[in-house]
Amino acid sequence: MDNLERYRQFVKQILSEHAEIATTTNMVKAELIFDTEHDHYQLAYVGCQGDKRVFGPVMHFDIQEGKIWIQYN
């Protein structure tokens, strides 16, 4: 397995584990976003809380130039 594929698996594992332990409600869910074509990976909260719309990144990683970049954490 080449480095790029190992990095992809590593980032997906981190985000998936955090999604499993995320504090969510019936109306707000943890959503995993994996763009393997452009190597963007994100965990976000999506839903409604009362009368307010909820959308917010929790973690965002990119893989660029052979490195994992933590864009938001």
PDB file of N, CA and C in Angstrom:
ATOM      1  N   MET A   1       0.854  -1.178   0.000  1.00  0.00           N
ATOM      2  CA  MET A   1       0.000   0.000   0.000  1.00  0.00           C
ATOM      3  C   MET A   1       0.900   1.242   0.000  1.00  0.00           C
ATOM      4  N   ASP A   2       0.633   2.166  -0.891  1.00  0.00           N
ATOM      5  CA  ASP A   2       1.449   3.372  -0.964  1.00  0.00           C
ATOM      6  C   ASP A   2       1.063   4.359   0.149  1.00  0.00           C
ATOM      7  N   ASN A   3       1.896   5.371   0.333  1.00  0.00           N
ATOM      8  CA  ASN A   3       1.682   6.340   1.413  1.00  0.00           C
ATOM      9  C   ASN A   3       0.345   7.053   1.295  1.00  0.00           C
ATOM     10  N   LEU A   4      -0.048   7.452   0.088  1.00  0.00           N
ATOM     11  CA  LEU A   4      -1.301   8.174  -0.090  1.00  0.00           C
ATOM     12  C   LEU A   4      -2.480   7.337   0.401  1.00  0.00           C
ATOM     13  N   GLU A   5      -2.513   6.081   0.037  1.00  0.00           N
ATOM     14  CA  GLU A   5      -3.617   5.223   0.469  1.00  0.00           C
ATOM     15  C   GLU A   5      -3.585   5.007   1.988  1.00  0.00           C
ATOM     16  N   ARG A   6      -2.401   4.875   2.558  1.00  0.00           N
ATOM     17  CA  ARG A   6      -2.299   4.746   4.024  1.00  0.00           C
ATOM     18  C   ARG A   6      -2.785   6.013   4.710  1.00  0.00           C
ATOM     19  N   TYR A   7      -2.438   7.171   4.185  1.00  0.00           N
ATOM     20  CA  TYR A   7      -2.910   8.438   4.754  1.00  0.00           C
ATOM     21  C   TYR A   7      -4.429   8.531   4.683  1.00  0.00           C
ATOM     22  N   ARG A   8      -5.002   8.134   3.548  1.00  0.00           N
ATOM     23  CA  ARG A   8      -6.464   8.156   3.402  1.00  0.00           C
ATOM     24  C   ARG A   8      -7.131   7.276   4.451  1.00  0.00           C
ATOM     25  N   GLN A   9      -6.616   6.062   4.631  1.00  0.00           N
ATOM     26  CA  GLN A   9      -7.183   5.147   5.617  1.00  0.00           C
ATOM     27  C   GLN A   9      -7.033   5.686   7.035  1.00  0.00           C
ATOM     28  N   PHE A  10      -5.893   6.279   7.325  1.00  0.00           N
ATOM     29  CA  PHE A  10      -5.627   6.833   8.648  1.00  0.00           C
ATOM     30  C   PHE A  10      -6.601   7.970   8.970  1.00  0.00           C
ATOM     31  N   VAL A  11      -6.785   8.892   8.027  1.00  0.00           N
ATOM     32  CA  VAL A  11      -7.688  10.032   8.239  1.00  0.00           C
ATOM     33  C   VAL A  11      -9.129   9.541   8.383  1.00  0.00           C
ATOM     34  N   LYS A  12      -9.552   8.613   7.535  1.00  0.00           N
ATOM     35  CA  LYS A  12     -10.905   8.070   7.637  1.00  0.00           C
ATOM     36  C   LYS A  12     -11.138   7.389   8.981  1.00  0.00           C
ATOM     37  N   GLN A  13     -10.139   6.672   9.467  1.00  0.00           N
ATOM     38  CA  GLN A  13     -10.263   5.996  10.753  1.00  0.00           C
ATOM     39  C   GLN A  13     -10.423   7.002  11.888  1.00  0.00           C
ATOM     40  N   ILE A  14      -9.603   8.041  11.896  1.00  0.00           N
ATOM     41  CA  ILE A  14      -9.693   9.074  12.936  1.00  0.00           C
ATOM     42  C   ILE A  14     -11.082   9.701  12.941  1.00  0.00           C
ATOM     43  N   LEU A  15     -11.557  10.124  11.770  1.00  0.00           N
ATOM     44  CA  LEU A  15     -12.861  10.778  11.702  1.00  0.00           C
ATOM     45  C   LEU A  15     -13.989   9.827  12.073  1.00  0.00           C
ATOM     46  N   SER A  16     -13.906   8.587  11.626  1.00  0.00           N
ATOM     47  CA  SER A  16     -14.951   7.608  11.944  1.00  0.00           C
ATOM     48  C   SER A  16     -15.016   7.329  13.439  1.00  0.00           C
ATOM     49  N   GLU A  17     -13.873   7.205  14.086  1.00  0.00           N
ATOM     50  CA  GLU A  17     -13.862   6.967  15.532  1.00  0.00           C
ATOM     51  C   GLU A  17     -14.445   8.154  16.287  1.00  0.00           C
ATOM     52  N   HIS A  18     -14.137   9.365  15.856  1.00  0.00           N
ATOM     53  CA  HIS A  18     -14.700  10.553  16.511  1.00  0.00           C
ATOM     54  C   HIS A  18     -16.203  10.662  16.263  1.00  0.00           C
ATOM     55  N   ALA A  19     -16.663  10.265  15.084  1.00  0.00           N
ATOM     56  CA  ALA A  19     -18.098  10.291  14.784  1.00  0.00           C
ATOM     57  C   ALA A  19     -18.860   9.328  15.686  1.00  0.00           C
ATOM     58  N   GLU A  20     -18.259   8.192  15.994  1.00  0.00           N
ATOM     59  CA  GLU A  20     -18.917   7.202  16.849  1.00  0.00           C
ATOM     60  C   GLU A  20     -19.108   7.701  18.276  1.00  0.00           C
ATOM     61  N   ILE A  21     -18.186   8.514  18.763  1.00  0.00           N
ATOM     62  CA  ILE A  21     -18.277   8.983  20.150  1.00  0.00           C
ATOM     63  C   ILE A  21     -18.841  10.407  20.251  1.00  0.00           C
ATOM     64  N   ALA A  22     -19.228  10.979  19.104  1.00  0.00           N
ATOM     65  CA  ALA A  22     -19.739  12.350  19.085  1.00  0.00           C
ATOM     66  C   ALA A  22     -21.034  12.452  19.877  1.00  0.00           C
ATOM     67  N   THR A  23     -21.196  13.565  20.550  1.00  0.00           N
ATOM     68  CA  THR A  23     -22.425  13.846  21.282  1.00  0.00           C
ATOM     69  C   THR A  23     -23.430  14.442  20.309  1.00  0.00           C
ATOM     70  N   THR A  24     -24.442  13.660  19.967  1.00  0.00           N
ATOM     71  CA  THR A  24     -25.470  14.136  19.048  1.00  0.00           C
ATOM     72  C   THR A  24     -26.837  13.896  19.670  1.00  0.00           C
ATOM     73  N   THR A  25     -27.846  14.471  19.038  1.00  0.00           N
ATOM     74  CA  THR A  25     -29.228  14.283  19.482  1.00  0.00           C
ATOM     75  C   THR A  25     -30.013  13.653  18.340  1.00  0.00           C
ATOM     76  N   ASN A  26     -31.314  13.477  18.555  1.00  0.00           N
ATOM     77  CA  ASN A  26     -32.163  12.939  17.486  1.00  0.00           C
ATOM     78  C   ASN A  26     -32.194  13.863  16.279  1.00  0.00           C
ATOM     79  N   MET A  27     -32.014  15.150  16.503  1.00  0.00           N
ATOM     80  CA  MET A  27     -32.132  16.128  15.417  1.00  0.00           C
ATOM     81  C   MET A  27     -30.775  16.586  14.872  1.00  0.00           C
ATOM     82  N   VAL A  28     -29.698  16.359  15.613  1.00  0.00           N
ATOM     83  CA  VAL A  28     -28.361  16.751  15.161  1.00  0.00           C
ATOM     84  C   VAL A  28     -27.507  15.490  15.070  1.00  0.00           C
ATOM     85  N   LYS A  29     -26.956  15.267  13.904  1.00  0.00           N
ATOM     86  CA  LYS A  29     -26.176  14.054  13.645  1.00  0.00           C
ATOM     87  C   LYS A  29     -24.741  14.400  13.281  1.00  0.00           C
ATOM     88  N   ALA A  30     -23.846  13.487  13.563  1.00  0.00           N
ATOM     89  CA  ALA A  30     -22.466  13.590  13.094  1.00  0.00           C
ATOM     90  C   ALA A  30     -22.440  13.033  11.678  1.00  0.00           C
ATOM     91  N   GLU A  31     -21.909  13.801  10.740  1.00  0.00           N
ATOM     92  CA  GLU A  31     -21.881  13.393   9.339  1.00  0.00           C
ATOM     93  C   GLU A  31     -20.439  13.335   8.847  1.00  0.00           C
ATOM     94  N   LEU A  32     -20.086  12.219   8.244  1.00  0.00           N
ATOM     95  CA  LEU A  32     -18.754  12.045   7.670  1.00  0.00           C
ATOM     96  C   LEU A  32     -18.788  12.412   6.196  1.00  0.00           C
ATOM     97  N   ILE A  33     -17.818  13.196   5.760  1.00  0.00           N
ATOM     98  CA  ILE A  33     -17.719  13.621   4.368  1.00  0.00           C
ATOM     99  C   ILE A  33     -16.337  13.224   3.872  1.00  0.00           C
ATOM    100  N   PHE A  34     -16.293  12.289   2.938  1.00  0.00           N
ATOM    101  CA  PHE A  34     -15.023  11.804   2.393  1.00  0.00           C
ATOM    102  C   PHE A  34     -14.985  12.101   0.893  1.00  0.00           C
ATOM    103  N   ASP A  35     -14.164  13.032   0.476  1.00  0.00           N
ATOM    104  CA  ASP A  35     -13.949  13.341  -0.936  1.00  0.00           C
ATOM    105  C   ASP A  35     -12.590  12.777  -1.318  1.00  0.00           C
ATOM    106  N   THR A  36     -12.585  11.518  -1.741  1.00  0.00           N
ATOM    107  CA  THR A  36     -11.320  10.846  -2.047  1.00  0.00           C
ATOM    108  C   THR A  36     -10.727  11.299  -3.380  1.00  0.00           C
ATOM    109  N   GLU A  37     -11.532  11.895  -4.232  1.00  0.00           N
ATOM    110  CA  GLU A  37     -11.018  12.399  -5.509  1.00  0.00           C
ATOM    111  C   GLU A  37     -10.114  13.609  -5.299  1.00  0.00           C
ATOM    112  N   HIS A  38     -10.509  14.483  -4.362  1.00  0.00           N
ATOM    113  CA  HIS A  38      -9.735  15.700  -4.083  1.00  0.00           C
ATOM    114  C   HIS A  38      -9.021  15.647  -2.737  1.00  0.00           C
ATOM    115  N   ASP A  39      -9.183  14.544  -2.024  1.00  0.00           N
ATOM    116  CA  ASP A  39      -8.557  14.309  -0.721  1.00  0.00           C
ATOM    117  C   ASP A  39      -8.917  15.355   0.330  1.00  0.00           C
ATOM    118  N   HIS A  40     -10.241  15.567   0.471  1.00  0.00           N
ATOM    119  CA  HIS A  40     -10.795  16.400   1.547  1.00  0.00           C
ATOM    120  C   HIS A  40     -11.639  15.475   2.429  1.00  0.00           C
ATOM    121  N   TYR A  41     -11.473  15.579   3.742  1.00  0.00           N
ATOM    122  CA  TYR A  41     -12.158  14.683   4.676  1.00  0.00           C
ATOM    123  C   TYR A  41     -12.658  15.518   5.856  1.00  0.00           C
ATOM    124  N   GLN A  42     -13.940  15.319   6.223  1.00  0.00           N
ATOM    125  CA  GLN A  42     -14.512  16.174   7.251  1.00  0.00           C
ATOM    126  C   GLN A  42     -15.530  15.418   8.104  1.00  0.00           C
ATOM    127  N   LEU A  43     -15.584  15.810   9.365  1.00  0.00           N
ATOM    128  CA  LEU A  43     -16.647  15.412  10.286  1.00  0.00           C
ATOM    129  C   LEU A  43     -17.393  16.683  10.632  1.00  0.00           C
ATOM    130  N   ALA A  44     -18.709  16.673  10.416  1.00  0.00           N
ATOM    131  CA  ALA A  44     -19.516  17.868  10.677  1.00  0.00           C
ATOM    132  C   ALA A  44     -20.759  17.485  11.469  1.00  0.00           C
ATOM    133  N   TYR A  45     -21.311  18.460  12.190  1.00  0.00           N
ATOM    134  CA  TYR A  45     -22.621  18.301  12.819  1.00  0.00           C
ATOM    135  C   TYR A  45     -23.656  18.923  11.891  1.00  0.00           C
ATOM    136  N   VAL A  46     -24.740  18.168  11.644  1.00  0.00           N
ATOM    137  CA  VAL A  46     -25.767  18.612  10.711  1.00  0.00           C
ATOM    138  C   VAL A  46     -27.129  18.309  11.319  1.00  0.00           C
ATOM    139  N   GLY A  47     -28.061  19.285  11.242  1.00  0.00           N
ATOM    140  CA  GLY A  47     -29.417  19.046  11.707  1.00  0.00           C
ATOM    141  C   GLY A  47     -30.076  20.315  12.197  1.00  0.00           C
ATOM    142  N   CYS A  48     -31.034  20.142  13.089  1.00  0.00           N
ATOM    143  CA  CYS A  48     -31.774  21.268  13.660  1.00  0.00           C
ATOM    144  C   CYS A  48     -31.762  21.161  15.174  1.00  0.00           C
ATOM    145  N   GLN A  49     -31.674  22.307  15.811  1.00  0.00           N
ATOM    146  CA  GLN A  49     -31.736  22.370  17.269  1.00  0.00           C
ATOM    147  C   GLN A  49     -32.778  23.426  17.599  1.00  0.00           C
ATOM    148  N   GLY A  50     -33.953  22.949  18.005  1.00  0.00           N
ATOM    149  CA  GLY A  50     -35.065  23.870  18.178  1.00  0.00           C
ATOM    150  C   GLY A  50     -35.460  24.429  16.822  1.00  0.00           C
ATOM    151  N   ASP A  51     -35.483  25.760  16.712  1.00  0.00           N
ATOM    152  CA  ASP A  51     -35.823  26.380  15.428  1.00  0.00           C
ATOM    153  C   ASP A  51     -34.586  26.859  14.669  1.00  0.00           C
ATOM    154  N   LYS A  52     -33.405  26.417  15.095  1.00  0.00           N
ATOM    155  CA  LYS A  52     -32.163  26.834  14.445  1.00  0.00           C
ATOM    156  C   LYS A  52     -31.547  25.688  13.649  1.00  0.00           C
ATOM    157  N   ARG A  53     -31.022  26.021  12.493  1.00  0.00           N
ATOM    158  CA  ARG A  53     -30.303  25.066  11.656  1.00  0.00           C
ATOM    159  C   ARG A  53     -28.885  24.922  12.191  1.00  0.00           C
ATOM    160  N   VAL A  54     -28.415  23.694  12.283  1.00  0.00           N
ATOM    161  CA  VAL A  54     -27.067  23.421  12.781  1.00  0.00           C
ATOM    162  C   VAL A  54     -26.236  22.835  11.646  1.00  0.00           C
ATOM    163  N   PHE A  55     -25.120  23.467  11.357  1.00  0.00           N
ATOM    164  CA  PHE A  55     -24.122  22.898  10.470  1.00  0.00           C
ATOM    165  C   PHE A  55     -22.790  23.457  10.916  1.00  0.00           C
ATOM    166  N   GLY A  56     -21.871  22.574  11.223  1.00  0.00           N
ATOM    167  CA  GLY A  56     -20.562  23.050  11.638  1.00  0.00           C
ATOM    168  C   GLY A  56     -19.525  21.963  11.549  1.00  0.00           C
ATOM    169  N   PRO A  57     -18.376  22.317  11.013  1.00  0.00           N
ATOM    170  CA  PRO A  57     -17.293  21.343  10.967  1.00  0.00           C
ATOM    171  C   PRO A  57     -16.748  21.082  12.365  1.00  0.00           C
ATOM    172  N   VAL A  58     -16.428  19.839  12.626  1.00  0.00           N
ATOM    173  CA  VAL A  58     -15.799  19.445  13.876  1.00  0.00           C
ATOM    174  C   VAL A  58     -14.316  19.199  13.615  1.00  0.00           C
ATOM    175  N   MET A  59     -14.037  18.515  12.510  1.00  0.00           N
ATOM    176  CA  MET A  59     -12.663  18.248  12.080  1.00  0.00           C
ATOM    177  C   MET A  59     -12.628  18.267  10.562  1.00  0.00           C
ATOM    178  N   HIS A  60     -11.541  18.805  10.021  1.00  0.00           N
ATOM    179  CA  HIS A  60     -11.361  18.812   8.563  1.00  0.00           C
ATOM    180  C   HIS A  60      -9.895  18.557   8.259  1.00  0.00           C
ATOM    181  N   PHE A  61      -9.652  17.534   7.436  1.00  0.00           N
ATOM    182  CA  PHE A  61      -8.300  17.179   7.017  1.00  0.00           C
ATOM    183  C   PHE A  61      -8.216  17.226   5.494  1.00  0.00           C
ATOM    184  N   ASP A  62      -7.072  17.640   4.991  1.00  0.00           N
ATOM    185  CA  ASP A  62      -6.756  17.534   3.568  1.00  0.00           C
ATOM    186  C   ASP A  62      -5.452  16.763   3.445  1.00  0.00           C
ATOM    187  N   ILE A  63      -5.297  16.081   2.325  1.00  0.00           N
ATOM    188  CA  ILE A  63      -4.014  15.464   1.998  1.00  0.00           C
ATOM    189  C   ILE A  63      -3.486  16.218   0.777  1.00  0.00           C
ATOM    190  N   GLN A  64      -2.358  16.895   0.959  1.00  0.00           N
ATOM    191  CA  GLN A  64      -1.770  17.707  -0.107  1.00  0.00           C
ATOM    192  C   GLN A  64      -0.268  17.497  -0.129  1.00  0.00           C
ATOM    193  N   GLU A  65       0.251  17.322  -1.313  1.00  0.00           N
ATOM    194  CA  GLU A  65       1.694  17.223  -1.511  1.00  0.00           C
ATOM    195  C   GLU A  65       2.350  16.200  -0.577  1.00  0.00           C
ATOM    196  N   GLY A  66       1.672  15.056  -0.391  1.00  0.00           N
ATOM    197  CA  GLY A  66       2.219  13.979   0.417  1.00  0.00           C
ATOM    198  C   GLY A  66       2.167  14.212   1.915  1.00  0.00           C
ATOM    199  N   LYS A  67       1.341  15.172   2.360  1.00  0.00           N
ATOM    200  CA  LYS A  67       1.226  15.467   3.790  1.00  0.00           C
ATOM    201  C   LYS A  67      -0.242  15.553   4.186  1.00  0.00           C
ATOM    202  N   ILE A  68      -0.511  15.227   5.452  1.00  0.00           N
ATOM    203  CA  ILE A  68      -1.852  15.402   6.010  1.00  0.00           C
ATOM    204  C   ILE A  68      -1.898  16.778   6.647  1.00  0.00           C
ATOM    205  N   TRP A  69      -2.861  17.587   6.206  1.00  0.00           N
ATOM    206  CA  TRP A  69      -3.031  18.928   6.740  1.00  0.00           C
ATOM    207  C   TRP A  69      -4.282  18.963   7.623  1.00  0.00           C
ATOM    208  N   ILE A  70      -4.143  19.405   8.846  1.00  0.00           N
ATOM    209  CA  ILE A  70      -5.286  19.597   9.733  1.00  0.00           C
ATOM    210  C   ILE A  70      -5.781  21.016   9.467  1.00  0.00           C
ATOM    211  N   GLN A  71      -6.926  21.120   8.785  1.00  0.00           N
ATOM    212  CA  GLN A  71      -7.460  22.424   8.416  1.00  0.00           C
ATOM    213  C   GLN A  71      -8.354  22.984   9.519  1.00  0.00           C
ATOM    214  N   TYR A  72      -9.015  22.099  10.259  1.00  0.00           N
ATOM    215  CA  TYR A  72      -9.905  22.554  11.337  1.00  0.00           C
ATOM    216  C   TYR A  72     -10.011  21.423  12.349  1.00  0.00           C
ATOM    217  N   ASN A  73      -9.846  21.784  13.623  1.00  0.00           N
ATOM    218  CA  ASN A  73      -9.945  20.786  14.697  1.00  0.00           C
ATOM    219  C   ASN A  73     -10.353  21.507  15.962  1.00  0.00           C
TER     220      ASN A  73
END
